Amino acid sequence: MKKHIKTAYHHIRRSPYQALAAIFIMLLTFMVISAFGFITVGSQIVINYFESKPQVTAFFQDAATPAQITTLENQLKATGKVSSLKFVSKEQALQLYKAQNKNDPLLLQLVTADILPASLEISANNIDDLASLASQVKSSTIVDQVVYQQDIVSTLVSWTGAVRKIGLVLIGTLILVSLFIMATIIGIKVSQKREDIEIMRLIGATNLYIAWPFVYEGIFYALVGAVLGWVITTGTLLYATPYLMSFLKGIPVLPANPYFLLALLGFEIILAVLLGLYSSLIAVYRYLK
């Protein structure tokens, strides 16, 4: 093993430009994989955050009785789509209004509990169920108005789905390109060593023995590219965290969980080893045939 690693080191040192090309394509691939991982996890956190908030608010008519409100609540719970319900009375609505307008005494004097409607704040288990819940609430005779940010929610879900699809296609394309370039580079190096390989075969060396230095070389390129890609992407994310946190304003996406970052690095290292191994074996055994 030590001898194979030493041979791989000599291969790399003798063709630095080919080594840089292989590392660079792997760097790009794993930068995209890291960025896709951040975006996927971050978008899921954003969706979970909005799912935990009251997404549908029903304002009741003044004539609505407690019994009627309780009946509506039970009907909503029976659907199995509701994660939480919160009834806000007129008095509680007034307290919220005062808290929101505490710096404007004139507005506080003009509003009393009587003119504020009681409401029901509804959160769904799944963000896709909001439309049906809003429709059900609107059909109630005791509901005066329903506030439902349908456009915002729909845009969020569609944007997240589109990003995931584009990311998967881009990653798949880059992985295929990486395999092709790596196999080409390793193939060139194998062909440059054809005389040495012929001599090794004449003295009884197996194909696996001949392949090992090139396999280690491919794994080295993939590992260096993966680690550099992760470091650059993670470093960029950490640098931008203060600016992104001020933009997100309370959504708990950042700072990034260190365990997630380490898990992502571990996944990329395993993927890099597999990519380097597979591309090298393709190149070597294609020549040895």
Protein backbone atom coordinates (compact mmCIF):
# COMPACT_ATOMS: atom_id res chain seq x y z
CA MET A 1 0.00 0.00 0.00
CA LYS A 2 2.82 2.37 0.94
CA LYS A 3 4.52 1.70 -2.37
CA HIS A 4 1.32 2.37 -4.32
CA ILE A 5 0.77 5.68 -2.51
CA LYS A 6 4.37 6.69 -3.21
CA THR A 7 3.90 5.86 -6.89
CA ALA A 8 0.68 7.89 -6.99
CA TYR A 9 2.55 10.81 -5.44
CA HIS A 10 5.16 10.67 -8.20
CA HIS A 11 2.40 10.60 -10.85
CA ILE A 12 0.85 13.73 -9.37
CA ARG A 13 4.15 15.57 -9.07
CA ARG A 14 5.16 14.86 -12.65
CA SER A 15 1.94 16.25 -14.15
CA PRO A 16 0.83 19.14 -11.94
CA TYR A 17 -1.41 20.78 -14.56
CA GLN A 18 -3.46 17.64 -15.04
CA ALA A 19 -3.70 17.30 -11.26
CA LEU A 20 -4.93 20.90 -10.93
CA ALA A 21 -7.54 20.33 -13.65
CA ALA A 22 -8.86 17.23 -11.89
CA ILE A 23 -8.95 18.97 -8.51
CA PHE A 24 -10.64 22.04 -9.99
CA ILE A 25 -13.54 20.10 -11.54
CA MET A 26 -14.03 18.24 -8.26
CA LEU A 27 -13.87 21.56 -6.40
CA LEU A 28 -16.70 22.97 -8.53
CA THR A 29 -18.78 19.82 -8.09
CA PHE A 30 -18.52 19.78 -4.32
CA MET A 31 -19.05 23.52 -4.02
CA VAL A 32 -22.40 23.02 -5.75
CA ILE A 33 -23.17 19.99 -3.55
CA SER A 34 -22.38 22.02 -0.40
CA ALA A 35 -24.44 24.99 -1.57
CA PHE A 36 -27.33 22.69 -2.47
CA GLY A 37 -27.14 21.11 0.98
CA PHE A 38 -27.30 24.52 2.67
CA ILE A 39 -30.20 25.68 0.49
CA THR A 40 -32.17 22.46 0.94
CA VAL A 41 -31.88 22.42 4.73
CA GLY A 42 -32.38 26.18 4.99
CA SER A 43 -35.51 26.16 2.82
CA GLN A 44 -36.97 23.31 4.89
CA ILE A 45 -36.34 25.31 8.08
CA VAL A 46 -38.09 28.32 6.52
CA ILE A 47 -41.10 26.20 5.54
CA ASN A 48 -41.24 24.64 9.02
CA TYR A 49 -41.07 28.12 10.52
CA PHE A 50 -44.03 29.34 8.51
CA GLU A 51 -45.90 26.12 9.20
CA SER A 52 -45.52 26.77 12.94
CA LYS A 53 -47.06 30.23 12.61
CA PRO A 54 -50.78 31.01 12.33
CA GLN A 55 -51.19 30.84 8.57
CA VAL A 56 -54.97 31.34 8.46
CA THR A 57 -56.73 33.88 10.67
CA ALA A 58 -60.53 33.90 10.87
CA PHE A 59 -62.24 37.04 12.24
CA PHE A 60 -65.64 36.33 13.80
CA GLN A 61 -68.81 38.35 13.57
CA ASP A 62 -69.87 40.10 16.78
CA ALA A 63 -72.91 37.81 16.97
CA ALA A 64 -70.80 34.63 17.11
CA THR A 65 -71.39 32.70 20.34
CA PRO A 66 -68.79 30.65 22.26
CA ALA A 67 -70.71 27.48 21.39
CA GLN A 68 -70.57 28.25 17.67
CA ILE A 69 -66.85 29.02 17.86
CA THR A 70 -66.21 25.74 19.71
CA THR A 71 -68.17 23.85 17.05
CA LEU A 72 -66.02 25.38 14.30
CA GLU A 73 -62.86 24.48 16.21
CA ASN A 74 -64.00 20.86 16.54
CA GLN A 75 -64.80 20.71 12.83
CA LEU A 76 -61.32 21.94 11.97
CA LYS A 77 -59.65 19.48 14.35
CA ALA A 78 -61.66 16.63 12.83
CA THR A 79 -59.97 17.19 9.46
CA GLY A 80 -56.63 16.06 10.87
CA LYS A 81 -54.92 18.90 9.01
CA VAL A 82 -54.64 21.33 11.93
CA SER A 83 -51.54 21.46 14.13
CA SER A 84 -52.79 24.19 16.46
CA LEU A 85 -55.73 26.52 17.08
CA LYS A 86 -55.61 29.71 19.11
CA PHE A 87 -58.69 31.75 19.99
CA VAL A 88 -58.05 35.49 20.44
CA SER A 89 -60.81 37.32 22.30
CA LYS A 90 -61.72 40.99 21.85
CA GLU A 91 -59.83 41.87 25.02
CA GLN A 92 -56.73 39.96 23.89
CA ALA A 93 -56.97 41.64 20.48
CA LEU A 94 -56.98 45.00 22.23
CA GLN A 95 -53.87 44.10 24.20
CA LEU A 96 -52.09 43.08 21.00
CA TYR A 97 -53.20 46.30 19.34
CA LYS A 98 -51.83 48.34 22.26
CA ALA A 99 -48.52 46.52 22.11
CA GLN A 100 -48.18 47.18 18.39
CA ASN A 101 -49.09 50.88 18.68
CA LYS A 102 -47.63 51.77 22.05
CA ASN A 103 -45.72 54.68 20.55
CA ASP A 104 -48.84 56.33 19.14
CA PRO A 105 -51.16 57.50 21.98
CA LEU A 106 -53.74 58.90 19.57
CA LEU A 107 -54.39 55.49 18.01
CA LEU A 108 -54.69 53.95 21.46
CA GLN A 109 -57.42 56.42 22.45
CA LEU A 110 -59.50 55.74 19.35
CA VAL A 111 -59.77 51.96 19.72
CA THR A 112 -61.67 49.91 22.31
CA ALA A 113 -62.23 46.19 22.68
CA ASP A 114 -65.79 46.49 21.35
CA ILE A 115 -64.72 47.46 17.84
CA LEU A 116 -62.06 44.75 17.53
CA PRO A 117 -63.26 41.31 16.36
CA ALA A 118 -62.45 38.06 18.09
CA SER A 119 -60.40 35.73 15.90
CA LEU A 120 -59.13 32.19 15.48
CA GLU A 121 -55.51 31.60 14.46
CA ILE A 122 -55.04 28.33 12.61
CA SER A 123 -51.79 26.47 11.86
CA ALA A 124 -51.68 23.47 9.51
CA ASN A 125 -49.65 20.26 9.80
CA ASN A 126 -48.76 20.62 6.14
CA ILE A 127 -48.44 23.91 4.33
CA ASP A 128 -50.24 22.38 1.32
CA ASP A 129 -53.42 22.02 3.44
CA LEU A 130 -53.82 25.75 3.99
CA ALA A 131 -56.06 26.31 0.98
CA SER A 132 -58.62 23.71 2.05
CA LEU A 133 -58.63 24.97 5.66
CA ALA A 134 -59.12 28.56 4.52
CA SER A 135 -61.98 27.46 2.27
CA GLN A 136 -63.64 25.57 5.11
CA VAL A 137 -63.40 28.56 7.46
CA LYS A 138 -64.79 30.94 4.82
CA SER A 139 -67.91 28.78 4.50
CA SER A 140 -68.79 29.25 8.17
CA THR A 141 -71.70 31.65 8.82
CA ILE A 142 -70.05 33.10 11.95
CA VAL A 143 -66.86 34.15 10.15
CA ASP A 144 -66.74 37.70 8.86
CA GLN A 145 -63.30 37.71 7.21
CA VAL A 146 -60.44 35.30 6.55
CA VAL A 147 -56.84 36.43 6.18
CA TYR A 148 -54.77 33.92 4.25
CA GLN A 149 -51.47 34.74 2.57
CA GLN A 150 -52.03 32.26 -0.24
CA ASP A 151 -49.69 33.88 -2.74
CA ILE A 152 -46.77 34.02 -0.30
CA VAL A 153 -47.20 30.42 0.81
CA SER A 154 -47.66 29.11 -2.74
CA THR A 155 -44.62 31.02 -3.95
CA LEU A 156 -42.51 29.66 -1.09
CA VAL A 157 -43.46 26.04 -1.78
CA SER A 158 -43.01 26.33 -5.56
CA TRP A 159 -39.68 28.15 -5.19
CA THR A 160 -38.35 25.49 -2.82
CA GLY A 161 -39.44 22.68 -5.15
CA ALA A 162 -37.88 24.37 -8.16
CA VAL A 163 -34.57 24.95 -6.36
CA ARG A 164 -34.40 21.30 -5.34
CA LYS A 165 -35.07 20.05 -8.86
CA ILE A 166 -32.56 22.42 -10.44
CA GLY A 167 -29.98 21.56 -7.77
CA LEU A 168 -30.35 17.81 -8.32
CA VAL A 169 -30.05 18.19 -12.10
CA LEU A 170 -26.99 20.43 -11.74
CA ILE A 171 -25.32 18.08 -9.26
CA GLY A 172 -26.02 15.06 -11.46
CA THR A 173 -24.59 16.84 -14.49
CA LEU A 174 -21.45 17.95 -12.62
CA ILE A 175 -20.89 14.45 -11.23
CA LEU A 176 -21.06 12.97 -14.74
CA VAL A 177 -18.71 15.66 -16.08
CA SER A 178 -16.33 15.04 -13.16
CA LEU A 179 -16.31 11.30 -13.81
CA PHE A 180 -15.61 11.88 -17.50
CA ILE A 181 -12.78 14.37 -16.90
CA MET A 182 -11.24 12.30 -14.11
CA ALA A 183 -11.38 9.15 -16.23
CA THR A 184 -9.82 11.02 -19.15
CA ILE A 185 -6.97 12.42 -17.03
CA ILE A 186 -6.26 9.06 -15.39
CA GLY A 187 -6.52 7.38 -18.80
CA ILE A 188 -3.87 9.74 -20.21
CA LYS A 189 -1.58 8.91 -17.30
CA VAL A 190 -2.12 5.19 -17.77
CA SER A 191 -1.25 5.46 -21.46
CA GLN A 192 1.91 7.40 -20.58
CA LYS A 193 2.97 4.47 -18.40
CA ARG A 194 2.17 1.78 -20.96
CA GLU A 195 5.77 0.55 -21.21
CA ASP A 196 6.07 0.24 -17.43
CA ILE A 197 2.71 -1.51 -17.30
CA GLU A 198 3.76 -4.01 -19.98
CA ILE A 199 6.91 -4.82 -18.03
CA MET A 200 4.87 -5.28 -14.84
CA ARG A 201 2.47 -7.62 -16.61
CA LEU A 202 5.36 -9.67 -18.02
CA ILE A 203 6.72 -10.26 -14.51
CA GLY A 204 3.30 -11.38 -13.29
CA ALA A 205 1.67 -8.26 -11.82
CA THR A 206 -2.12 -8.50 -11.60
CA ASN A 207 -4.45 -5.87 -13.01
CA LEU A 208 -5.44 -4.84 -9.49
CA TYR A 209 -1.80 -4.35 -8.48
CA ILE A 210 -1.23 -2.17 -11.56
CA ALA A 211 -4.42 -0.20 -10.92
CA TRP A 212 -3.81 0.72 -7.27
CA PRO A 213 -1.49 3.75 -7.81
CA PHE A 214 -3.96 5.26 -10.27
CA VAL A 215 -6.85 4.55 -7.91
CA TYR A 216 -5.08 6.35 -5.06
CA GLU A 217 -4.36 9.20 -7.42
CA GLY A 218 -8.03 9.55 -8.40
CA ILE A 219 -9.14 9.38 -4.77
CA PHE A 220 -6.60 12.07 -3.87
CA TYR A 221 -7.94 14.46 -6.53
CA ALA A 222 -11.54 13.88 -5.43
CA LEU A 223 -10.76 14.25 -1.71
CA VAL A 224 -8.82 17.48 -2.16
CA GLY A 225 -11.56 18.91 -4.36
CA ALA A 226 -14.27 17.87 -1.89
CA VAL A 227 -12.55 19.36 1.16
CA LEU A 228 -11.68 22.60 -0.65
CA GLY A 229 -15.22 22.89 -2.02
CA TRP A 230 -16.69 22.39 1.46
CA VAL A 231 -14.24 24.84 3.05
CA ILE A 232 -14.90 27.58 0.47
CA THR A 233 -18.69 27.21 0.59
CA THR A 234 -18.84 26.93 4.38
CA GLY A 235 -16.46 29.87 4.79
CA THR A 236 -18.61 31.98 2.48
CA LEU A 237 -21.73 31.03 4.46
CA LEU A 238 -20.12 31.86 7.81
CA TYR A 239 -18.86 35.19 6.47
CA ALA A 240 -22.31 36.09 5.14
CA THR A 241 -24.19 34.89 8.25
CA PRO A 242 -24.51 38.34 9.95
CA TYR A 243 -25.91 39.89 6.77
CA LEU A 244 -28.26 36.98 6.09
CA MET A 245 -29.55 36.97 9.67
CA SER A 246 -30.53 40.63 9.42
CA PHE A 247 -32.33 39.84 6.16
CA LEU A 248 -34.17 36.78 7.51
CA LYS A 249 -35.30 38.69 10.61
CA GLY A 250 -36.07 36.04 13.19
CA ILE A 251 -36.36 32.95 10.99
CA PRO A 252 -34.05 30.43 12.73
CA VAL A 253 -32.04 29.36 9.69
CA LEU A 254 -28.69 30.74 10.85
CA PRO A 255 -26.18 30.34 12.34
CA ALA A 256 -25.68 26.96 10.70
CA ASN A 257 -25.68 23.92 12.96
CA PRO A 258 -22.04 22.71 13.32
CA TYR A 259 -23.18 19.08 13.44
CA PHE A 260 -24.90 19.53 10.09
CA LEU A 261 -21.73 21.07 8.63
CA LEU A 262 -19.62 18.14 9.85
CA ALA A 263 -22.19 15.62 8.61
CA LEU A 264 -22.16 17.30 5.20
CA LEU A 265 -18.35 17.13 5.13
CA GLY A 266 -18.45 13.44 6.04
CA PHE A 267 -20.97 12.73 3.28
CA GLU A 268 -18.89 14.62 0.72
CA ILE A 269 -15.72 12.75 1.73
CA ILE A 270 -17.47 9.40 1.24
CA LEU A 271 -18.87 10.56 -2.10
CA ALA A 272 -15.42 11.83 -3.15
CA VAL A 273 -13.80 8.47 -2.39
CA LEU A 274 -16.45 6.69 -4.43
CA LEU A 275 -16.11 9.11 -7.36
CA GLY A 276 -12.31 8.90 -7.35
CA LEU A 277 -12.38 5.12 -7.06
CA TYR A 278 -14.95 4.60 -9.80
CA SER A 279 -13.46 7.03 -12.33
CA SER A 280 -9.96 5.60 -11.82
CA LEU A 281 -11.10 2.01 -12.21
CA ILE A 282 -12.98 2.91 -15.40
CA ALA A 283 -9.84 4.48 -16.91
CA VAL A 284 -7.43 1.77 -15.81
CA TYR A 285 -9.46 -1.30 -16.74
CA ARG A 286 -10.45 0.21 -20.05
CA TYR A 287 -6.76 0.45 -20.94
CA LEU A 288 -5.82 -2.96 -19.46
CA LYS A 289 -8.42 -4.71 -21.61
